[in-house]
Amino acid sequence: MADYYTPAQLAVKLGISEARIAELESKGVLDAKLKNGKLFFSSRQAHDLHVALRLARKQRVSLERALERVEEMHLCQAIGC
């Protein structure tokens, strides 16, 4: 897995549109980093978005809600729920 993905690379990898990625970034759901004038997403964000996409489809919830659940899972693992 790459360390960082451009929005275009992430869109291809996950099978979603760049517009959807931009929408999630503008809502603050994804946090792009600016390097050399280009936006990049970390491999962790790519993984979390992949898990959230599968969760959203399986549980029939919004992608934003699925991303919240993925974040809750990370927090729970960190504090030992």
Protein backbone atom coordinates (compact mmCIF):
# COMPACT_ATOMS: atom_id res chain seq x y z
CA MET A 1 0.00 0.00 0.00
CA ALA A 2 1.32 3.43 -0.86
CA ASP A 3 2.10 5.89 1.93
CA TYR A 4 0.05 8.66 0.33
CA TYR A 5 -2.59 8.91 -2.38
CA THR A 6 -3.65 11.80 -4.56
CA PRO A 7 -7.41 12.29 -4.83
CA ALA A 8 -7.30 10.73 -8.31
CA GLN A 9 -5.37 7.68 -7.10
CA LEU A 10 -7.70 7.25 -4.14
CA ALA A 11 -10.76 7.51 -6.38
CA VAL A 12 -9.44 4.80 -8.70
CA LYS A 13 -8.36 2.55 -5.83
CA LEU A 14 -11.75 2.74 -4.11
CA GLY A 15 -14.00 3.01 -7.14
CA ILE A 16 -15.58 6.32 -6.18
CA SER A 17 -15.50 9.69 -7.88
CA GLU A 18 -12.97 12.41 -7.20
CA ALA A 19 -15.94 14.71 -6.63
CA ARG A 20 -17.12 12.50 -3.76
CA ILE A 21 -13.63 12.57 -2.24
CA ALA A 22 -13.55 16.35 -2.58
CA GLU A 23 -16.98 16.56 -0.95
CA LEU A 24 -15.82 14.47 2.02
CA GLU A 25 -12.68 16.58 2.31
CA SER A 26 -14.65 19.83 2.21
CA LYS A 27 -16.96 18.54 4.97
CA GLY A 28 -13.91 17.77 7.10
CA VAL A 29 -14.56 14.02 7.06
CA LEU A 30 -11.25 13.43 5.27
CA ASP A 31 -8.14 15.45 6.02
CA ALA A 32 -5.92 16.00 2.99
CA LYS A 33 -2.35 17.15 3.47
CA LEU A 34 -0.77 19.65 1.11
CA LYS A 35 2.68 18.65 -0.19
CA ASN A 36 4.43 20.48 -3.02
CA GLY A 37 1.17 22.16 -3.99
CA LYS A 38 -0.78 18.88 -4.28
CA LEU A 39 -3.33 17.26 -1.99
CA PHE A 40 -2.57 13.84 -0.53
CA PHE A 41 -4.40 11.39 1.70
CA SER A 42 -2.60 8.97 3.99
CA SER A 43 -2.74 5.21 3.62
CA ARG A 44 -4.63 5.11 6.92
CA GLN A 45 -7.31 7.40 5.50
CA ALA A 46 -7.45 5.24 2.38
CA HIS A 47 -7.89 2.12 4.50
CA ASP A 48 -10.52 3.74 6.73
CA LEU A 49 -12.45 5.00 3.71
CA HIS A 50 -12.32 1.52 2.15
CA VAL A 51 -13.70 -0.03 5.36
CA ALA A 52 -16.36 2.69 5.61
CA LEU A 53 -17.48 2.15 2.02
CA ARG A 54 -17.98 -1.56 2.70
CA LEU A 55 -19.75 -0.82 5.99
CA ALA A 56 -22.03 1.77 4.38
CA ARG A 57 -23.08 -0.67 1.67
CA LYS A 58 -23.55 -3.57 4.06
CA GLN A 59 -25.48 -1.67 6.74
CA ARG A 60 -27.18 0.72 4.33
CA VAL A 61 -26.03 3.86 6.13
CA SER A 62 -24.49 7.03 4.77
CA LEU A 63 -20.80 7.07 4.07
CA GLU A 64 -20.36 9.84 6.62
CA ARG A 65 -22.03 7.69 9.31
CA ALA A 66 -19.91 4.70 8.33
CA LEU A 67 -16.76 6.82 8.65
CA GLU A 68 -17.92 7.88 12.13
CA ARG A 69 -18.30 4.22 13.07
CA VAL A 70 -14.81 3.42 11.79
CA GLU A 71 -13.44 6.27 13.91
CA GLU A 72 -15.39 4.95 16.92
CA MET A 73 -13.76 1.55 16.37
CA HIS A 74 -10.30 3.17 16.41
CA LEU A 75 -11.10 5.01 19.63
CA CYS A 76 -12.48 1.88 21.23
CA GLN A 77 -9.33 -0.06 20.33
CA ALA A 78 -7.19 2.72 21.76
CA ILE A 79 -8.95 2.79 25.13
CA GLY A 80 -9.83 -0.90 25.31
CA CYS A 81 -13.61 -1.05 25.06
